[in-house]
N, C-alpha and C. Protein backbone atom coordinates (compact mmCIF):
# COMPACT_ATOMS: atom_id res chain seq x y z
N UNK A 1 -9.31 -11.57 -11.99
CA UNK A 1 -10.02 -12.67 -11.26
C UNK A 1 -10.06 -12.41 -9.92
N UNK A 2 -11.03 -12.82 -9.05
CA UNK A 2 -11.27 -12.63 -7.64
C UNK A 2 -9.90 -13.20 -6.89
N UNK A 3 -9.05 -12.45 -5.98
CA UNK A 3 -8.15 -12.91 -5.19
C UNK A 3 -8.80 -13.18 -3.61
N UNK A 4 -8.36 -14.48 -3.49
CA UNK A 4 -8.69 -14.68 -1.87
C UNK A 4 -7.81 -15.24 -1.10
N UNK A 5 -7.51 -14.93 -0.07
CA UNK A 5 -6.60 -15.68 1.10
C UNK A 5 -7.38 -15.58 2.39
N UNK A 6 -6.81 -16.42 3.41
CA UNK A 6 -7.69 -16.39 4.52
C UNK A 6 -6.85 -15.93 5.84
N UNK A 7 -7.28 -15.26 6.74
CA UNK A 7 -6.74 -14.94 7.81
C UNK A 7 -6.88 -15.70 8.85
N UNK A 8 -5.98 -16.44 9.84
CA UNK A 8 -6.27 -17.42 10.51
C UNK A 8 -6.97 -16.97 11.60
N UNK A 9 -7.71 -17.81 12.50
CA UNK A 9 -8.62 -17.59 13.60
C UNK A 9 -8.19 -17.55 14.75
N UNK A 10 -7.74 -16.76 15.42
CA UNK A 10 -7.14 -16.83 16.87
C UNK A 10 -7.38 -18.05 17.51
N UNK A 11 -6.43 -18.60 18.36
CA UNK A 11 -6.84 -19.92 19.00
C UNK A 11 -7.84 -19.10 20.08
N UNK A 12 -8.94 -20.02 20.27
CA UNK A 12 -9.82 -19.88 21.29
C UNK A 12 -10.72 -18.58 20.99
N UNK A 13 -11.10 -18.12 19.53
CA UNK A 13 -11.75 -17.10 19.46
C UNK A 13 -12.79 -17.69 18.44
N UNK A 14 -13.96 -17.41 18.54
CA UNK A 14 -14.95 -18.06 17.74
C UNK A 14 -15.14 -16.76 16.67
N UNK A 15 -15.25 -17.24 15.38
CA UNK A 15 -15.45 -16.34 14.24
C UNK A 15 -16.57 -15.92 14.08
N UNK A 16 -17.42 -14.89 14.11
CA UNK A 16 -18.65 -14.69 14.28
C UNK A 16 -18.91 -14.42 12.69
N UNK A 17 -18.38 -13.90 11.61
CA UNK A 17 -18.87 -13.54 10.16
C UNK A 17 -17.27 -13.86 9.36
N UNK A 18 -17.61 -14.22 8.29
CA UNK A 18 -16.39 -14.48 7.50
C UNK A 18 -15.60 -12.98 7.31
N UNK A 19 -14.30 -13.24 7.77
CA UNK A 19 -13.38 -12.11 7.51
C UNK A 19 -13.09 -11.73 6.04
N UNK A 20 -14.12 -11.00 5.41
CA UNK A 20 -13.87 -10.81 4.04
C UNK A 20 -13.96 -9.29 3.91
N UNK A 21 -13.02 -8.91 2.69
CA UNK A 21 -13.26 -7.47 2.29
C UNK A 21 -13.58 -7.34 0.81
N UNK A 22 -14.01 -6.01 0.71
CA UNK A 22 -14.08 -6.17 -0.99
C UNK A 22 -13.61 -4.90 -1.54
N UNK A 23 -12.72 -4.89 -2.24
CA UNK A 23 -12.06 -3.71 -2.88
C UNK A 23 -12.63 -3.20 -4.11
N UNK A 24 -12.90 -2.01 -4.16
CA UNK A 24 -13.82 -1.66 -5.68
C UNK A 24 -12.70 -0.35 -6.18
N UNK A 25 -12.73 -0.71 -7.40
CA UNK A 25 -11.64 -0.02 -8.25
C UNK A 25 -11.90 -0.19 -10.00
N UNK A 26 -11.47 0.87 -10.77
CA UNK A 26 -11.74 1.08 -12.20
C UNK A 26 -11.29 -0.51 -12.64
N UNK A 27 -12.27 -0.96 -13.44
CA UNK A 27 -12.05 -2.39 -14.12
C UNK A 27 -11.51 -3.51 -13.02
N UNK A 28 -11.93 -3.56 -12.14
CA UNK A 28 -11.62 -4.66 -11.05
C UNK A 28 -9.94 -4.78 -11.06
N UNK A 29 -9.33 -3.75 -11.30
CA UNK A 29 -7.59 -3.75 -11.19
C UNK A 29 -7.43 -4.99 -12.39
N UNK A 30 -8.11 -5.14 -13.26
CA UNK A 30 -7.88 -6.22 -14.36
C UNK A 30 -6.71 -5.73 -15.04
N UNK A 31 -6.69 -4.11 -15.31
CA UNK A 31 -5.62 -3.62 -16.53
C UNK A 31 -4.70 -2.70 -15.55
N UNK A 32 -4.90 -2.27 -14.43
CA UNK A 32 -3.98 -1.58 -13.82
C UNK A 32 -4.23 -1.51 -12.49
N UNK A 33 -3.29 -1.04 -11.53
CA UNK A 33 -3.35 -1.05 -9.85
C UNK A 33 -3.88 0.29 -9.28
N UNK A 34 -3.46 1.30 -9.98
CA UNK A 34 -3.91 2.47 -9.94
C UNK A 34 -3.77 2.67 -8.26
N UNK A 35 -4.62 3.47 -7.67
CA UNK A 35 -4.67 3.77 -6.12
C UNK A 35 -5.13 2.83 -5.43
N UNK A 36 -5.26 1.57 -5.96
CA UNK A 36 -5.79 0.32 -5.15
C UNK A 36 -4.38 -0.47 -4.74
N UNK A 37 -3.36 -0.03 -5.16
CA UNK A 37 -2.04 -0.58 -4.90
C UNK A 37 -2.05 -0.86 -3.30
N UNK A 38 -2.22 0.27 -2.50
CA UNK A 38 -2.01 0.08 -1.42
C UNK A 38 -2.61 -1.03 -0.63
N UNK A 39 -4.09 -0.44 -0.46
CA UNK A 39 -4.86 -1.43 0.17
C UNK A 39 -4.79 -3.17 -0.16
N UNK A 40 -4.53 -3.36 -1.71
CA UNK A 40 -4.20 -4.84 -2.13
C UNK A 40 -3.05 -5.41 -1.55
N UNK A 41 -1.97 -4.47 -1.39
CA UNK A 41 -0.87 -5.04 -0.70
C UNK A 41 -0.83 -5.33 0.75
N UNK A 42 -1.67 -4.39 1.40
CA UNK A 42 -1.99 -4.53 2.83
C UNK A 42 -2.62 -5.88 2.81
N UNK A 43 -3.66 -6.03 2.37
CA UNK A 43 -4.62 -7.04 2.30
C UNK A 43 -3.83 -8.56 1.97
N UNK A 44 -3.03 -8.66 1.05
CA UNK A 44 -2.46 -9.69 0.87
C UNK A 44 -1.19 -10.07 1.60
N UNK A 45 -0.55 -9.05 2.36
CA UNK A 45 0.38 -9.12 3.06
C UNK A 45 -0.33 -9.54 4.61
N UNK A 46 -1.46 -9.28 4.92
CA UNK A 46 -2.00 -9.74 6.34
C UNK A 46 -2.64 -11.14 5.80
N UNK A 47 -2.85 -11.85 4.61
CA UNK A 47 -3.50 -12.85 4.47
C UNK A 47 -4.73 -12.69 4.73
N UNK A 48 -5.38 -11.60 4.32
CA UNK A 48 -7.06 -11.51 4.53
C UNK A 48 -7.68 -11.77 3.40
N UNK A 49 -9.13 -12.22 3.70
CA UNK A 49 -9.89 -12.79 2.63
C UNK A 49 -10.57 -11.72 1.85
N UNK A 50 -10.30 -11.22 0.53
CA UNK A 50 -10.91 -10.39 -0.04
C UNK A 50 -11.14 -10.58 -1.64
N UNK A 51 -12.17 -9.69 -2.21
CA UNK A 51 -12.26 -9.72 -3.51
C UNK A 51 -12.16 -8.42 -4.24
N UNK A 52 -12.07 -8.42 -5.27
CA UNK A 52 -11.89 -7.05 -5.89
C UNK A 52 -13.16 -7.00 -7.13
N UNK A 53 -13.62 -5.79 -6.97
CA UNK A 53 -14.93 -5.49 -7.97
C UNK A 53 -14.68 -4.19 -8.48
N UNK A 54 -15.58 -3.90 -9.52
CA UNK A 54 -15.35 -2.81 -10.32
C UNK A 54 -16.02 -1.49 -10.02
N UNK A 55 -15.60 -0.28 -10.11
CA UNK A 55 -16.42 1.01 -9.94
C UNK A 55 -17.57 1.00 -9.42
N UNK A 56 -18.53 0.35 -10.64
CA UNK A 56 -19.72 0.19 -10.73
C UNK A 56 -20.55 -0.54 -9.68
N UNK A 57 -19.92 -1.22 -9.00
CA UNK A 57 -20.11 -2.14 -7.82
C UNK A 57 -20.04 -1.59 -6.92
N UNK A 58 -19.58 -0.44 -6.69
CA UNK A 58 -19.23 0.43 -5.33
C UNK A 58 -20.64 0.66 -4.75
N UNK A 59 -20.92 0.41 -3.43
CA UNK A 59 -22.15 0.82 -2.99
C UNK A 59 -22.42 2.38 -2.70
N UNK A 60 -23.72 2.69 -3.10
CA UNK A 60 -23.68 4.32 -2.86
C UNK A 60 -24.29 4.58 -1.43
N UNK A 61 -24.39 5.88 -1.19
CA UNK A 61 -25.01 6.19 0.17
C UNK A 61 -23.80 6.01 1.36
N UNK A 62 -22.36 5.86 1.00
CA UNK A 62 -21.41 5.82 2.18
C UNK A 62 -20.68 6.88 2.13
N UNK A 63 -19.69 6.91 2.77
CA UNK A 63 -18.83 8.29 3.02
C UNK A 63 -17.82 8.12 1.87
N UNK A 64 -17.64 7.14 1.09
CA UNK A 64 -16.74 7.17 0.12
C UNK A 64 -17.28 7.90 -1.20
N UNK A 65 -16.53 8.58 -1.70
CA UNK A 65 -16.84 9.80 -2.76
C UNK A 65 -16.32 8.97 -4.38
N UNK A 66 -15.48 8.36 -4.22
CA UNK A 66 -14.82 7.67 -5.42
C UNK A 66 -14.14 6.66 -5.08
N UNK A 67 -13.58 5.38 -5.95
CA UNK A 67 -12.92 4.51 -5.92
C UNK A 67 -11.36 4.78 -5.82
N UNK A 68 -10.61 4.31 -5.04
CA UNK A 68 -10.73 3.08 -4.39
C UNK A 68 -11.60 3.21 -3.26
N UNK A 69 -12.66 2.30 -3.03
CA UNK A 69 -13.51 2.01 -1.83
C UNK A 69 -12.86 0.74 -1.65
N UNK A 70 -13.49 0.82 -0.07
CA UNK A 70 -13.25 -0.90 0.48
C UNK A 70 -14.69 -1.07 1.74
N UNK A 71 -15.04 -2.17 1.49
CA UNK A 71 -16.24 -2.71 2.29
C UNK A 71 -15.57 -3.67 3.26
N UNK A 72 -15.64 -3.19 4.68
CA UNK A 72 -15.02 -4.16 5.74
C UNK A 72 -16.18 -4.99 5.94
N UNK A 73 -15.57 -6.01 7.06
CA UNK A 73 -16.56 -7.33 7.05
C UNK A 73 -17.65 -6.87 7.75
N UNK A 74 -17.57 -5.97 8.73
CA UNK A 74 -18.73 -5.37 9.44
C UNK A 74 -19.68 -4.66 8.83
N UNK A 75 -19.63 -4.47 7.55
CA UNK A 75 -20.31 -3.99 6.56
C UNK A 75 -20.47 -2.48 6.06
N UNK A 76 -19.33 -1.62 6.57
CA UNK A 76 -19.13 -0.54 6.28
C UNK A 76 -18.15 -0.21 5.29
N UNK A 77 -18.24 0.71 4.58
CA UNK A 77 -17.42 1.21 3.15
C UNK A 77 -16.80 2.43 3.69
N UNK A 78 -15.65 2.61 3.15
CA UNK A 78 -14.88 3.90 3.14
C UNK A 78 -14.10 4.23 1.93
N UNK A 79 -13.85 5.37 1.56
CA UNK A 79 -13.10 5.84 0.64
C UNK A 79 -11.85 6.29 0.73
N UNK A 80 -10.73 7.02 -0.16
CA UNK A 80 -9.66 7.59 0.16
C UNK A 80 -8.49 6.77 0.59
N UNK A 81 -7.67 6.63 -0.25
CA UNK A 81 -6.55 5.67 -0.05
C UNK A 81 -6.12 5.65 1.08
N UNK A 82 -5.56 6.84 1.70
CA UNK A 82 -4.79 6.88 2.81
C UNK A 82 -5.84 6.28 4.07
N UNK A 83 -7.04 6.68 4.07
CA UNK A 83 -7.68 6.50 5.18
C UNK A 83 -7.92 4.63 5.16
N UNK A 84 -8.23 4.30 3.83
CA UNK A 84 -8.42 2.85 3.92
C UNK A 84 -7.21 2.25 3.99
N UNK A 85 -6.03 2.52 3.89
CA UNK A 85 -4.56 1.65 4.18
C UNK A 85 -4.70 2.02 5.85
N UNK A 86 -4.82 3.03 6.50
CA UNK A 86 -4.74 3.15 8.14
C UNK A 86 -5.85 2.28 8.54
N UNK A 87 -6.84 2.24 8.03
CA UNK A 87 -7.96 1.29 8.80
C UNK A 87 -7.67 -0.25 8.77
N UNK A 88 -7.27 -0.52 7.38
CA UNK A 88 -7.09 -1.95 7.23
C UNK A 88 -5.48 -2.21 8.12
N UNK A 89 -4.60 -1.16 8.18
CA UNK A 89 -3.16 -1.52 8.98
C UNK A 89 -3.90 -1.88 10.37
N UNK A 90 -4.89 -1.18 11.04
CA UNK A 90 -5.27 -1.10 12.43
C UNK A 90 -5.93 -2.62 12.80
N UNK A 91 -6.82 -2.84 11.55
CA UNK A 91 -7.77 -4.13 11.77
C UNK A 91 -6.83 -5.29 11.46
N UNK A 92 -5.58 -5.13 10.76
CA UNK A 92 -5.38 -6.59 10.46
C UNK A 92 -3.92 -6.73 10.83
N UNK A 93 -3.45 -5.83 11.86
CA UNK A 93 -2.17 -6.26 12.82
C UNK A 93 -0.95 -5.54 11.97
N UNK A 94 -1.31 -4.47 11.05
CA UNK A 94 -0.13 -3.93 10.68
C UNK A 94 -0.11 -2.29 10.85
N UNK A 95 -0.43 -2.22 11.95
CA UNK A 95 -0.70 -0.74 12.63
C UNK A 95 0.69 -0.26 13.44
N UNK A 96 1.21 1.05 13.62
CA UNK A 96 2.43 1.22 14.28
C UNK A 96 2.40 1.01 15.66
N UNK A 97 3.21 1.22 16.37
CA UNK A 97 3.20 0.61 17.85
C UNK A 97 3.30 1.77 19.07
N UNK A 98 3.66 2.85 18.25
CA UNK A 98 3.78 4.12 18.90
C UNK A 98 3.37 5.42 18.36
N UNK A 99 3.08 6.41 19.44
CA UNK A 99 2.65 7.54 18.59
C UNK A 99 3.56 8.24 17.76
N UNK A 100 4.83 8.20 17.92
CA UNK A 100 5.44 8.61 16.60
C UNK A 100 5.45 8.06 15.54
N UNK A 101 5.64 6.57 15.63
CA UNK A 101 5.36 6.00 14.47
C UNK A 101 4.16 5.82 13.69
N UNK A 102 2.89 6.16 14.43
CA UNK A 102 1.86 6.44 13.72
C UNK A 102 1.77 7.63 13.17
N UNK A 103 2.41 8.78 13.60
CA UNK A 103 2.44 9.88 12.93
C UNK A 103 3.31 9.87 11.92
N UNK A 104 4.25 9.24 11.76
CA UNK A 104 5.24 9.12 10.48
C UNK A 104 4.53 8.42 9.62
N UNK A 105 3.85 7.33 10.06
CA UNK A 105 3.02 6.51 8.98
C UNK A 105 1.88 7.09 8.24
N UNK A 106 1.46 8.30 8.77
CA UNK A 106 0.47 9.04 8.40
C UNK A 106 1.02 9.96 7.46
N UNK A 107 2.30 10.33 7.67
CA UNK A 107 2.91 11.45 6.82
C UNK A 107 3.44 10.57 5.54
N UNK A 108 3.96 9.55 5.57
CA UNK A 108 4.60 8.55 4.86
C UNK A 108 3.49 8.34 3.62
N UNK A 109 2.28 7.99 4.03
CA UNK A 109 1.02 7.93 3.25
C UNK A 109 0.71 8.96 2.38
N UNK A 110 0.58 10.05 3.17
CA UNK A 110 0.34 11.53 2.31
C UNK A 110 1.37 11.71 1.24
N UNK A 111 2.60 11.48 1.91
CA UNK A 111 3.62 11.57 0.86
C UNK A 111 3.61 10.74 -0.50
N UNK A 112 3.27 9.62 -0.16
CA UNK A 112 3.02 8.65 -1.13
C UNK A 112 2.01 9.16 -2.04
N UNK A 113 0.73 9.41 -1.62
CA UNK A 113 -0.07 10.02 -2.44
C UNK A 113 0.21 10.96 -3.19
N UNK A 114 0.82 12.06 -2.65
CA UNK A 114 1.21 13.10 -3.48
C UNK A 114 2.62 12.84 -4.66
N UNK A 115 3.39 11.75 -4.20
CA UNK A 115 4.32 11.29 -5.19
C UNK A 115 3.82 10.57 -6.28
N UNK A 116 2.95 10.00 -6.27
CA UNK A 116 1.80 9.30 -7.14
C UNK A 116 1.75 10.22 -8.41
N UNK A 117 1.27 11.30 -7.92
CA UNK A 117 0.91 12.25 -9.12
C UNK A 117 2.51 12.96 -9.62
N UNK A 118 3.14 13.11 -8.90
CA UNK A 118 4.23 14.05 -8.95
C UNK A 118 5.36 13.31 -9.92
N UNK A 119 5.41 12.09 -9.57
CA UNK A 119 6.63 11.54 -9.96
C UNK A 119 6.69 11.23 -11.50
N UNK A 120 5.83 11.65 -12.33
CA UNK A 120 5.99 11.41 -13.85
C UNK A 120 6.28 12.81 -14.41
N UNK A 121 6.43 13.65 -13.61
CA UNK A 121 6.66 15.09 -14.14
C UNK A 121 7.98 15.72 -13.37
N UNK A 122 8.25 15.08 -12.36
CA UNK A 122 9.26 15.97 -11.44
C UNK A 122 10.71 15.82 -11.88
N UNK A 123 11.58 16.70 -11.95
CA UNK A 123 12.82 16.36 -12.33
C UNK A 123 13.89 15.76 -11.31
N UNK A 124 14.89 15.27 -11.72
CA UNK A 124 15.81 14.64 -10.85
C UNK A 124 15.94 15.27 -9.39
N UNK A 125 16.11 16.53 -9.30
CA UNK A 125 16.22 17.04 -8.05
C UNK A 125 14.90 16.87 -7.18
N UNK A 126 13.91 17.22 -7.81
CA UNK A 126 12.64 16.93 -7.14
C UNK A 126 12.49 15.49 -6.37
N UNK A 127 12.61 14.72 -7.70
CA UNK A 127 12.71 13.22 -7.18
C UNK A 127 13.24 13.00 -5.87
N UNK A 128 14.54 13.38 -5.92
CA UNK A 128 15.77 13.27 -4.95
C UNK A 128 15.22 13.52 -3.64
N UNK A 129 14.66 14.87 -3.70
CA UNK A 129 13.80 15.30 -2.45
C UNK A 129 12.83 14.41 -1.89
N UNK A 130 12.31 13.90 -2.68
CA UNK A 130 10.96 12.97 -2.39
C UNK A 130 11.33 11.91 -1.70
N UNK A 131 12.52 11.28 -2.47
CA UNK A 131 13.12 9.95 -2.07
C UNK A 131 13.56 9.88 -0.76
N UNK A 132 14.38 11.30 -0.46
CA UNK A 132 14.98 11.80 0.81
C UNK A 132 14.04 11.76 1.86
N UNK A 133 12.91 11.87 1.74
CA UNK A 133 11.72 11.97 2.87
C UNK A 133 11.34 10.55 3.37
N UNK A 134 11.35 9.52 2.37
CA UNK A 134 11.07 7.70 2.72
C UNK A 134 12.20 7.47 3.31
N UNK A 135 13.89 7.86 3.08
CA UNK A 135 14.78 7.19 3.51
C UNK A 135 14.55 7.77 4.86
N UNK A 136 14.63 9.19 5.09
CA UNK A 136 14.70 9.60 6.41
C UNK A 136 13.80 8.89 7.48
N UNK A 137 12.93 8.30 7.13
CA UNK A 137 11.95 7.75 8.02
C UNK A 137 12.51 6.46 8.42
N UNK A 138 13.28 5.47 7.36
CA UNK A 138 14.03 4.25 7.76
C UNK A 138 14.94 4.18 8.81
N UNK A 139 14.65 4.79 10.02
CA UNK A 139 15.56 4.76 11.17
C UNK A 139 15.57 3.16 11.55
N UNK A 140 14.70 2.73 11.50
CA UNK A 140 14.76 0.95 12.19
C UNK A 140 14.60 0.14 10.97
N UNK A 141 14.65 0.37 9.79
CA UNK A 141 14.59 -0.42 8.65
C UNK A 141 13.51 -0.53 8.06
N UNK A 142 12.05 0.08 8.54
CA UNK A 142 10.98 0.28 8.17
C UNK A 142 10.69 1.61 8.36
N UNK A 143 9.07 1.78 7.56
CA UNK A 143 8.66 3.21 7.48
C UNK A 143 8.24 3.65 8.89
N UNK A 144 7.73 3.09 9.57
CA UNK A 144 7.07 3.72 10.76
C UNK A 144 6.93 2.58 11.92
N UNK A 145 8.36 2.72 12.62
CA UNK A 145 8.70 2.00 13.82
C UNK A 145 9.57 0.94 13.53
N UNK A 146 9.78 -0.44 14.36
CA UNK A 146 10.64 -1.34 14.49
C UNK A 146 10.13 -2.56 13.72
N UNK A 147 8.96 -2.55 12.96
CA UNK A 147 8.24 -3.40 12.48
C UNK A 147 7.39 -3.40 11.06
N UNK A 148 7.34 -4.13 10.14
CA UNK A 148 6.80 -3.73 9.13
C UNK A 148 4.99 -3.45 9.24
N UNK A 149 4.70 -2.09 8.75
CA UNK A 149 3.39 -1.79 9.00
C UNK A 149 2.55 -1.48 7.67
N UNK A 150 1.35 -0.70 7.90
CA UNK A 150 0.70 -0.71 6.44
C UNK A 150 1.34 0.54 5.81
N UNK A 151 2.10 1.47 6.54
CA UNK A 151 2.78 2.30 5.61
C UNK A 151 4.05 1.80 4.61
N UNK A 152 4.82 0.87 5.36
CA UNK A 152 5.58 -0.03 3.96
C UNK A 152 4.68 -0.38 3.01
N UNK A 153 3.82 -1.22 3.27
CA UNK A 153 2.75 -1.37 2.26
C UNK A 153 2.28 -0.76 1.16
N UNK A 154 2.01 0.38 1.71
CA UNK A 154 1.22 1.48 0.88
C UNK A 154 2.39 2.06 -0.01
N UNK A 155 3.43 2.27 0.58
CA UNK A 155 4.79 3.14 -0.10
C UNK A 155 5.25 2.33 -1.02
N UNK A 156 5.41 1.23 -1.10
CA UNK A 156 6.37 0.39 -2.01
C UNK A 156 6.21 0.65 -3.45
N UNK A 157 4.78 0.49 -3.98
CA UNK A 157 4.70 0.47 -5.55
C UNK A 157 4.97 1.94 -6.06
N UNK A 158 4.67 2.81 -5.31
CA UNK A 158 4.85 4.09 -5.73
C UNK A 158 6.58 4.55 -5.54
N UNK A 159 6.88 4.16 -4.59
CA UNK A 159 8.53 4.20 -4.33
C UNK A 159 9.23 3.41 -5.61
N UNK A 160 8.88 2.48 -5.93
CA UNK A 160 9.48 1.41 -7.16
C UNK A 160 9.31 2.21 -8.57
N UNK A 161 8.00 3.05 -8.59
CA UNK A 161 7.96 3.94 -9.92
C UNK A 161 8.97 4.96 -9.85
N UNK A 162 8.84 5.81 -8.77
CA UNK A 162 9.61 6.82 -8.51
C UNK A 162 11.03 6.51 -8.69
N UNK A 163 11.40 5.60 -8.38
CA UNK A 163 13.03 5.11 -8.11
C UNK A 163 13.45 4.78 -9.83
N UNK A 164 12.71 3.91 -10.40
CA UNK A 164 12.92 3.91 -11.87
C UNK A 164 13.19 4.78 -12.85
N UNK A 165 12.25 6.22 -12.28
CA UNK A 165 12.56 7.38 -13.03
C UNK A 165 13.58 8.15 -12.38
N UNK A 166 14.04 7.85 -11.31
CA UNK A 166 15.25 8.70 -10.73
C UNK A 166 16.58 8.19 -11.42
N UNK A 167 16.74 7.37 -11.88
CA UNK A 167 17.99 6.85 -12.61
C UNK A 167 17.96 5.43 -13.41
N UNK A 168 18.67 5.62 -14.60
CA UNK A 168 18.54 4.21 -15.09
C UNK A 168 19.47 3.13 -14.50
N UNK A 169 20.71 3.84 -13.83
CA UNK A 169 21.27 2.86 -13.17
C UNK A 169 20.78 2.93 -11.64
N UNK A 170 19.62 2.36 -11.37
CA UNK A 170 18.88 2.89 -10.32
C UNK A 170 19.58 2.01 -8.92
N UNK A 171 19.92 0.89 -9.15
CA UNK A 171 20.36 0.33 -8.01
C UNK A 171 21.69 0.72 -7.58
N UNK A 172 22.76 1.36 -8.39
CA UNK A 172 23.93 1.76 -7.98
C UNK A 172 23.71 3.24 -7.39
N UNK A 173 23.02 3.97 -8.20
CA UNK A 173 22.66 5.41 -7.76
C UNK A 173 21.59 5.48 -6.35
N UNK A 174 21.10 4.67 -6.17
CA UNK A 174 20.07 4.59 -5.20
C UNK A 174 21.10 4.10 -3.75
N UNK A 175 22.00 3.05 -3.88
CA UNK A 175 22.70 2.73 -2.98
C UNK A 175 23.57 3.66 -2.48
N UNK A 176 24.05 4.50 -3.43
CA UNK A 176 25.00 5.87 -3.05
C UNK A 176 24.31 6.96 -2.42
N UNK A 177 23.19 7.25 -2.95
CA UNK A 177 22.67 8.37 -2.30
C UNK A 177 21.57 7.96 -1.24
N UNK A 178 20.78 6.90 -1.33
CA UNK A 178 19.77 6.47 -0.12
C UNK A 178 20.11 5.10 0.14
N UNK A 179 21.00 4.65 0.70
CA UNK A 179 21.29 3.29 1.09
C UNK A 179 20.21 2.64 2.05
N UNK A 180 19.78 3.50 3.04
CA UNK A 180 18.57 2.80 3.69
C UNK A 180 17.31 2.33 2.87
N UNK A 181 16.90 3.17 1.96
CA UNK A 181 16.04 3.30 0.88
C UNK A 181 16.12 2.02 0.04
N UNK A 182 17.39 1.86 -0.42
CA UNK A 182 17.81 0.72 -1.42
C UNK A 182 17.45 -0.67 -0.57
N UNK A 183 18.16 -0.73 0.77
CA UNK A 183 17.78 -1.98 1.65
C UNK A 183 16.50 -2.28 1.54
N UNK A 184 15.71 -1.26 2.05
CA UNK A 184 14.01 -1.21 2.12
C UNK A 184 13.56 -1.79 0.92
N UNK A 185 13.82 -1.53 -0.38
CA UNK A 185 13.34 -1.69 -1.46
C UNK A 185 13.27 -3.22 -1.61
N UNK A 186 14.59 -3.59 -1.50
CA UNK A 186 15.10 -5.38 -1.78
C UNK A 186 14.19 -6.03 -0.69
N UNK A 187 14.20 -5.58 0.57
CA UNK A 187 13.51 -6.21 1.69
C UNK A 187 11.79 -6.22 1.26
N UNK A 188 11.29 -5.22 0.87
CA UNK A 188 9.97 -5.23 0.40
C UNK A 188 9.42 -6.05 -0.70
N UNK A 189 10.55 -6.00 -1.68
CA UNK A 189 10.17 -7.01 -2.77
C UNK A 189 9.87 -8.55 -2.35
N UNK A 190 10.58 -8.80 -1.17
CA UNK A 190 10.25 -10.24 -1.06
C UNK A 190 9.39 -10.50 -0.03
N UNK A 191 8.33 -9.59 0.14
CA UNK A 191 7.22 -9.78 1.05
C UNK A 191 6.17 -10.39 0.67
N UNK A 192 5.06 -10.73 1.09
CA UNK A 192 4.08 -11.69 0.92
C UNK A 192 3.24 -10.49 0.01
N UNK A 193 2.96 -9.70 0.66
CA UNK A 193 2.28 -8.72 -0.15
C UNK A 193 2.69 -8.32 -1.11
N UNK A 194 3.76 -7.72 -1.41
CA UNK A 194 4.17 -7.43 -2.83
C UNK A 194 4.17 -8.69 -4.08
N UNK A 195 4.48 -9.53 -3.38
CA UNK A 195 4.78 -10.77 -4.33
C UNK A 195 3.47 -11.10 -4.98
N UNK A 196 2.34 -11.19 -4.23
CA UNK A 196 1.06 -11.25 -4.31
C UNK A 196 0.33 -10.50 -5.56
N UNK A 197 0.75 -9.21 -5.29
CA UNK A 197 0.32 -8.16 -6.16
C UNK A 197 0.94 -8.13 -7.44
N UNK A 198 2.31 -8.52 -7.30
CA UNK A 198 3.08 -8.68 -8.69
C UNK A 198 2.59 -9.82 -9.45
N UNK A 199 1.93 -11.04 -8.84
CA UNK A 199 1.50 -11.99 -9.45
C UNK A 199 0.11 -11.95 -10.36
N UNK A 200 -0.20 -10.91 -10.02
CA UNK A 200 -1.60 -10.05 -10.57
C UNK A 200 -1.24 -10.15 -11.93
N UNK A 201 0.02 -9.61 -12.28
CA UNK A 201 0.15 -9.27 -13.60
C UNK A 201 -0.20 -7.97 -14.47
N UNK A 202 -0.25 -7.05 -13.55
CA UNK A 202 -0.83 -5.83 -14.17
C UNK A 202 -0.05 -4.39 -13.69
N UNK A 203 -0.07 -3.67 -14.47
CA UNK A 203 0.74 -2.54 -14.26
C UNK A 203 0.50 -1.73 -13.23
N UNK A 204 1.21 -0.51 -12.53
CA UNK A 204 0.56 0.38 -11.52
C UNK A 204 -0.28 1.12 -12.44
N UNK A 205 -0.11 1.65 -13.37
CA UNK A 205 -0.87 2.62 -13.91
C UNK A 205 -1.11 2.37 -15.38
N UNK A 206 -2.12 2.65 -16.23
CA UNK A 206 -2.55 2.28 -17.40
C UNK A 206 -1.39 2.78 -18.76
N UNK A 207 -1.23 2.02 -19.79
CA UNK A 207 -0.20 2.63 -20.20
C UNK A 207 -0.66 4.10 -21.14
């Protein structure tokens, strides 16, 4: 189904065009989220108006090579999950507030994309090393600075998958070894974006 929500128009601002985004991904995300998880979480967290279409609907002749791809309200389309997440964050008020936080956000998203490929085959020691990089970012309770950003939204679903593999008794083990990460996981699970994606009722990856 098409997901839609609305970004409020700031007081005193005339909205010249509908603030609508289109996400393109395999099967329109009806069977799995895949690499569209980050953009969907960001859009949902921001309350943006968007719809999801299939790979076959993605426009040709753009800078995007493969899905996920997103068409922005201004009419341009880009690909690459990390670029999409950063661009959405900047446009939707979920961008880091300092140069340091911006650099960390980029690092976190790159780590997330590598972890997506690595988490299913990594052993416990390698998973612990990966989880440690995210735990290290949580100096102020968020991944990039003192407030929620696109980096938090982009990282959550992949970290959830990795944590589930890290240990069966994950909450106890995570609390012991990565207490900041455990607190962050609990906080993120209650956010609007994560809840909205959960309500889609589809897994991260196909079975």
